[in-house]
Amino acid sequence: MKQGIHPDYLETTIVCSCGNKFTTHSTAGGELHLELCDQCHPFFTGQQKFVDTGGRVQRFSDKFGSAASAVLEKEAAEKEARRKAAEEAALAAKAEREAKAAEKAAKAAQYEVKAAKDEAKAEVVEAEPAAVEVEEAAEPAAEETAE
């Protein structure tokens, strides 16, 4: 190994946030502060443990938490808009059906009036030949009585 180019390999004390301390060797030397060690890490302990060092969860929530709620609010607003549009479409369709039914009823009423007029005309036309027949039948009867 070449002399003078490598850093010193010193004894270092490692201090974890859970309070665990141990010594090892490192080029950093002195004392190192860790957030997790083998005594408190969930992988090694088999337990889930909530670790919030330095407010990282709070910083994340401040940075992105409001974005998530904004997305939820936006989705809720879009859903409400779709619901209102569907209601308006249903009301428009109902109004259109009612207008069509009213138009159909008006046409039916006009047809009934026309049919009644045609029937009255037909009765008048039928009554005239019957009246002529009655007169013709009355004339021979009058002639027979005159003879």
C-alpha atoms as a PDB file:
ATOM      1  CA  MET A   1       0.000   0.000   0.000  1.00  0.00           C
ATOM      2  CA  LYS A   2       1.368   3.404  -0.932  1.00  0.00           C
ATOM      3  CA  GLN A   3       2.082   5.660   2.016  1.00  0.00           C
ATOM      4  CA  GLY A   4       0.518   9.144   2.449  1.00  0.00           C
ATOM      5  CA  ILE A   5      -2.391   8.866  -0.033  1.00  0.00           C
ATOM      6  CA  HIS A   6      -4.951   7.030   2.110  1.00  0.00           C
ATOM      7  CA  PRO A   7      -7.117   8.685   4.792  1.00  0.00           C
ATOM      8  CA  ASP A   8      -6.672   7.704   8.420  1.00  0.00           C
ATOM      9  CA  TYR A   9      -8.770   4.763   9.582  1.00  0.00           C
ATOM     10  CA  LEU A  10      -9.959   5.845  13.011  1.00  0.00           C
ATOM     11  CA  GLU A  11     -12.176   4.447  15.734  1.00  0.00           C
ATOM     12  CA  THR A  12     -15.681   5.945  15.410  1.00  0.00           C
ATOM     13  CA  THR A  13     -18.603   5.938  17.813  1.00  0.00           C
ATOM     14  CA  ILE A  14     -21.994   5.424  16.131  1.00  0.00           C
ATOM     15  CA  VAL A  15     -25.021   6.874  17.942  1.00  0.00           C
ATOM     16  CA  CYS A  16     -28.537   5.935  16.752  1.00  0.00           C
ATOM     17  CA  SER A  17     -31.692   7.994  17.275  1.00  0.00           C
ATOM     18  CA  CYS A  18     -33.066   5.117  19.378  1.00  0.00           C
ATOM     19  CA  GLY A  19     -30.142   5.565  21.823  1.00  0.00           C
ATOM     20  CA  ASN A  20     -28.066   2.569  20.741  1.00  0.00           C
ATOM     21  CA  LYS A  21     -24.273   3.213  20.702  1.00  0.00           C
ATOM     22  CA  PHE A  22     -21.496   1.100  19.294  1.00  0.00           C
ATOM     23  CA  THR A  23     -17.957   1.613  18.075  1.00  0.00           C
ATOM     24  CA  THR A  24     -16.420   0.734  14.776  1.00  0.00           C
ATOM     25  CA  HIS A  25     -13.670   1.981  12.521  1.00  0.00           C
ATOM     26  CA  SER A  26     -14.190   4.599   9.826  1.00  0.00           C
ATOM     27  CA  THR A  27     -12.334   7.243   7.894  1.00  0.00           C
ATOM     28  CA  ALA A  28     -14.803   9.822   9.270  1.00  0.00           C
ATOM     29  CA  GLY A  29     -13.556   9.405  12.840  1.00  0.00           C
ATOM     30  CA  GLY A  30     -15.151  10.893  15.928  1.00  0.00           C
ATOM     31  CA  GLU A  31     -18.877  10.387  16.347  1.00  0.00           C
ATOM     32  CA  LEU A  32     -21.608   9.630  13.722  1.00  0.00           C
ATOM     33  CA  HIS A  33     -25.331  10.096  14.344  1.00  0.00           C
ATOM     34  CA  LEU A  34     -27.672   7.661  12.572  1.00  0.00           C
ATOM     35  CA  GLU A  35     -31.447   7.639  12.193  1.00  0.00           C
ATOM     36  CA  LEU A  36     -31.835   3.853  12.165  1.00  0.00           C
ATOM     37  CA  CYS A  37     -29.705   0.946  13.320  1.00  0.00           C
ATOM     38  CA  ASP A  38     -30.056  -2.827  13.490  1.00  0.00           C
ATOM     39  CA  GLN A  39     -31.771  -2.506  16.881  1.00  0.00           C
ATOM     40  CA  CYS A  40     -34.614  -0.241  15.688  1.00  0.00           C
ATOM     41  CA  HIS A  41     -34.970  -0.864  11.939  1.00  0.00           C
ATOM     42  CA  PRO A  42     -38.250  -2.691  11.126  1.00  0.00           C
ATOM     43  CA  PHE A  43     -36.482  -5.106   8.777  1.00  0.00           C
ATOM     44  CA  PHE A  44     -34.327  -6.425  11.587  1.00  0.00           C
ATOM     45  CA  THR A  45     -36.819  -6.163  14.455  1.00  0.00           C
ATOM     46  CA  GLY A  46     -39.856  -7.521  12.575  1.00  0.00           C
ATOM     47  CA  GLN A  47     -41.996  -4.673  13.913  1.00  0.00           C
ATOM     48  CA  GLN A  48     -43.379  -1.661  12.121  1.00  0.00           C
ATOM     49  CA  LYS A  49     -42.293   1.526  13.784  1.00  0.00           C
ATOM     50  CA  PHE A  50     -43.116   5.059  12.732  1.00  0.00           C
ATOM     51  CA  VAL A  51     -39.936   7.058  12.459  1.00  0.00           C
ATOM     52  CA  ASP A  52     -40.194  10.754  11.719  1.00  0.00           C
ATOM     53  CA  THR A  53     -36.762  12.274  11.880  1.00  0.00           C
ATOM     54  CA  GLY A  54     -36.404  15.967  11.404  1.00  0.00           C
ATOM     55  CA  GLY A  55     -40.080  16.389  10.479  1.00  0.00           C
ATOM     56  CA  ARG A  56     -39.671  14.684   7.109  1.00  0.00           C
ATOM     57  CA  VAL A  57     -43.234  13.399   7.085  1.00  0.00           C
ATOM     58  CA  GLN A  58     -44.495  16.856   7.961  1.00  0.00           C
ATOM     59  CA  ARG A  59     -42.380  18.444   5.236  1.00  0.00           C
ATOM     60  CA  PHE A  60     -43.692  15.932   2.700  1.00  0.00           C
ATOM     61  CA  SER A  61     -47.260  16.531   3.834  1.00  0.00           C
ATOM     62  CA  ASP A  62     -46.743  20.284   3.578  1.00  0.00           C
ATOM     63  CA  LYS A  63     -45.278  19.947   0.106  1.00  0.00           C
ATOM     64  CA  PHE A  64     -47.565  17.309  -1.424  1.00  0.00           C
ATOM     65  CA  GLY A  65     -50.425  16.784   1.045  1.00  0.00           C
ATOM     66  CA  SER A  66     -52.373  19.803  -0.122  1.00  0.00           C
ATOM     67  CA  ALA A  67     -51.919  18.637  -3.715  1.00  0.00           C
ATOM     68  CA  ALA A  68     -53.615  15.343  -2.892  1.00  0.00           C
ATOM     69  CA  SER A  69     -56.553  17.114  -1.271  1.00  0.00           C
ATOM     70  CA  ALA A  70     -56.739  19.491  -4.240  1.00  0.00           C
ATOM     71  CA  VAL A  71     -56.913  16.517  -6.610  1.00  0.00           C
ATOM     72  CA  LEU A  72     -59.696  14.965  -4.512  1.00  0.00           C
ATOM     73  CA  GLU A  73     -61.604  18.247  -4.496  1.00  0.00           C
ATOM     74  CA  LYS A  74     -61.167  18.578  -8.256  1.00  0.00           C
ATOM     75  CA  GLU A  75     -62.443  15.030  -8.824  1.00  0.00           C
ATOM     76  CA  ALA A  76     -65.433  15.718  -6.568  1.00  0.00           C
ATOM     77  CA  ALA A  77     -66.199  18.922  -8.490  1.00  0.00           C
ATOM     78  CA  GLU A  78     -65.974  17.073 -11.820  1.00  0.00           C
ATOM     79  CA  LYS A  79     -68.271  14.342 -10.518  1.00  0.00           C
ATOM     80  CA  GLU A  80     -70.790  16.951  -9.347  1.00  0.00           C
ATOM     81  CA  ALA A  81     -70.616  18.687 -12.741  1.00  0.00           C
ATOM     82  CA  ARG A  82     -71.265  15.376 -14.522  1.00  0.00           C
ATOM     83  CA  ARG A  83     -74.215  14.697 -12.196  1.00  0.00           C
ATOM     84  CA  LYS A  84     -75.713  18.133 -12.881  1.00  0.00           C
ATOM     85  CA  ALA A  85     -75.217  17.705 -16.630  1.00  0.00           C
ATOM     86  CA  ALA A  86     -76.972  14.337 -16.482  1.00  0.00           C
ATOM     87  CA  GLU A  87     -79.880  15.850 -14.532  1.00  0.00           C
ATOM     88  CA  GLU A  88     -80.189  18.706 -17.029  1.00  0.00           C
ATOM     89  CA  ALA A  89     -80.098  16.254 -19.935  1.00  0.00           C
ATOM     90  CA  ALA A  90     -82.814  14.162 -18.272  1.00  0.00           C
ATOM     91  CA  LEU A  91     -84.972  17.243 -17.720  1.00  0.00           C
ATOM     92  CA  ALA A  92     -84.458  18.348 -21.327  1.00  0.00           C
ATOM     93  CA  ALA A  93     -85.396  14.881 -22.593  1.00  0.00           C
ATOM     94  CA  LYS A  94     -88.499  14.872 -20.395  1.00  0.00           C
ATOM     95  CA  ALA A  95     -89.523  18.323 -21.639  1.00  0.00           C
ATOM     96  CA  GLU A  96     -88.975  17.177 -25.234  1.00  0.00           C
ATOM     97  CA  ARG A  97     -91.133  14.085 -24.654  1.00  0.00           C
ATOM     98  CA  GLU A  98     -93.880  16.206 -23.084  1.00  0.00           C
ATOM     99  CA  ALA A  99     -93.751  18.682 -25.987  1.00  0.00           C
ATOM    100  CA  LYS A 100     -93.972  15.833 -28.477  1.00  0.00           C
ATOM    101  CA  ALA A 101     -96.903  14.306 -26.587  1.00  0.00           C
ATOM    102  CA  ALA A 102     -98.675  17.697 -26.527  1.00  0.00           C
ATOM    103  CA  GLU A 103     -98.110  18.105 -30.265  1.00  0.00           C
ATOM    104  CA  LYS A 104     -99.455  14.604 -30.859  1.00  0.00           C
ATOM    105  CA  ALA A 105    -102.522  15.361 -28.722  1.00  0.00           C
ATOM    106  CA  ALA A 106    -103.134  18.579 -30.683  1.00  0.00           C
ATOM    107  CA  LYS A 107    -102.918  16.699 -33.975  1.00  0.00           C
ATOM    108  CA  ALA A 108    -105.305  14.048 -32.610  1.00  0.00           C
ATOM    109  CA  ALA A 109    -107.770  16.780 -31.598  1.00  0.00           C
ATOM    110  CA  GLN A 110    -107.547  18.337 -35.073  1.00  0.00           C
ATOM    111  CA  TYR A 111    -108.117  14.926 -36.626  1.00  0.00           C
ATOM    112  CA  GLU A 112    -111.166  14.364 -34.413  1.00  0.00           C
ATOM    113  CA  VAL A 113    -112.619  17.734 -35.423  1.00  0.00           C
ATOM    114  CA  LYS A 114    -111.984  16.970 -39.080  1.00  0.00           C
ATOM    115  CA  ALA A 115    -113.484  13.464 -38.702  1.00  0.00           C
ATOM    116  CA  ALA A 116    -116.571  14.937 -37.018  1.00  0.00           C
ATOM    117  CA  LYS A 117    -117.001  17.443 -39.879  1.00  0.00           C
ATOM    118  CA  ASP A 118    -116.560  14.692 -42.472  1.00  0.00           C
ATOM    119  CA  GLU A 119    -119.069  12.533 -40.628  1.00  0.00           C
ATOM    120  CA  ALA A 120    -121.566  15.398 -40.507  1.00  0.00           C
ATOM    121  CA  LYS A 121    -121.120  15.975 -44.234  1.00  0.00           C
ATOM    122  CA  ALA A 122    -121.570  12.256 -44.889  1.00  0.00           C
ATOM    123  CA  GLU A 123    -124.813  12.279 -42.874  1.00  0.00           C
ATOM    124  CA  VAL A 124    -126.071  15.267 -44.843  1.00  0.00           C
ATOM    125  CA  VAL A 125    -125.168  13.579 -48.147  1.00  0.00           C
ATOM    126  CA  GLU A 126    -126.842  10.340 -47.018  1.00  0.00           C
ATOM    127  CA  ALA A 127    -129.901  12.230 -45.792  1.00  0.00           C
ATOM    128  CA  GLU A 128    -130.458  13.990 -49.153  1.00  0.00           C
ATOM    129  CA  PRO A 129    -130.811  10.774 -51.241  1.00  0.00           C
ATOM    130  CA  ALA A 130    -132.991   9.299 -48.532  1.00  0.00           C
ATOM    131  CA  ALA A 131    -135.177  12.402 -48.657  1.00  0.00           C
ATOM    132  CA  VAL A 132    -135.345  12.113 -52.433  1.00  0.00           C
ATOM    133  CA  GLU A 133    -136.276   8.426 -52.089  1.00  0.00           C
ATOM    134  CA  VAL A 134    -138.959   9.286 -49.535  1.00  0.00           C
ATOM    135  CA  GLU A 135    -140.381  11.922 -51.898  1.00  0.00           C
ATOM    136  CA  GLU A 136    -140.252   9.494 -54.827  1.00  0.00           C
ATOM    137  CA  ALA A 137    -141.950   6.823 -52.762  1.00  0.00           C
ATOM    138  CA  ALA A 138    -144.545   9.331 -51.628  1.00  0.00           C
ATOM    139  CA  GLU A 139    -145.327  10.451 -55.199  1.00  0.00           C
ATOM    140  CA  PRO A 140    -146.410   6.967 -56.415  1.00  0.00           C
ATOM    141  CA  ALA A 141    -148.417   6.493 -53.295  1.00  0.00           C
ATOM    142  CA  ALA A 142    -150.137   9.818 -53.968  1.00  0.00           C
ATOM    143  CA  GLU A 143    -150.768   8.813 -57.560  1.00  0.00           C
ATOM    144  CA  GLU A 144    -152.271   5.510 -56.424  1.00  0.00           C
ATOM    145  CA  THR A 145    -154.608   7.255 -54.064  1.00  0.00           C
ATOM    146  CA  ALA A 146    -155.578   9.720 -56.801  1.00  0.00           C
ATOM    147  CA  GLU A 147    -156.517   7.015 -59.197  1.00  0.00           C
END
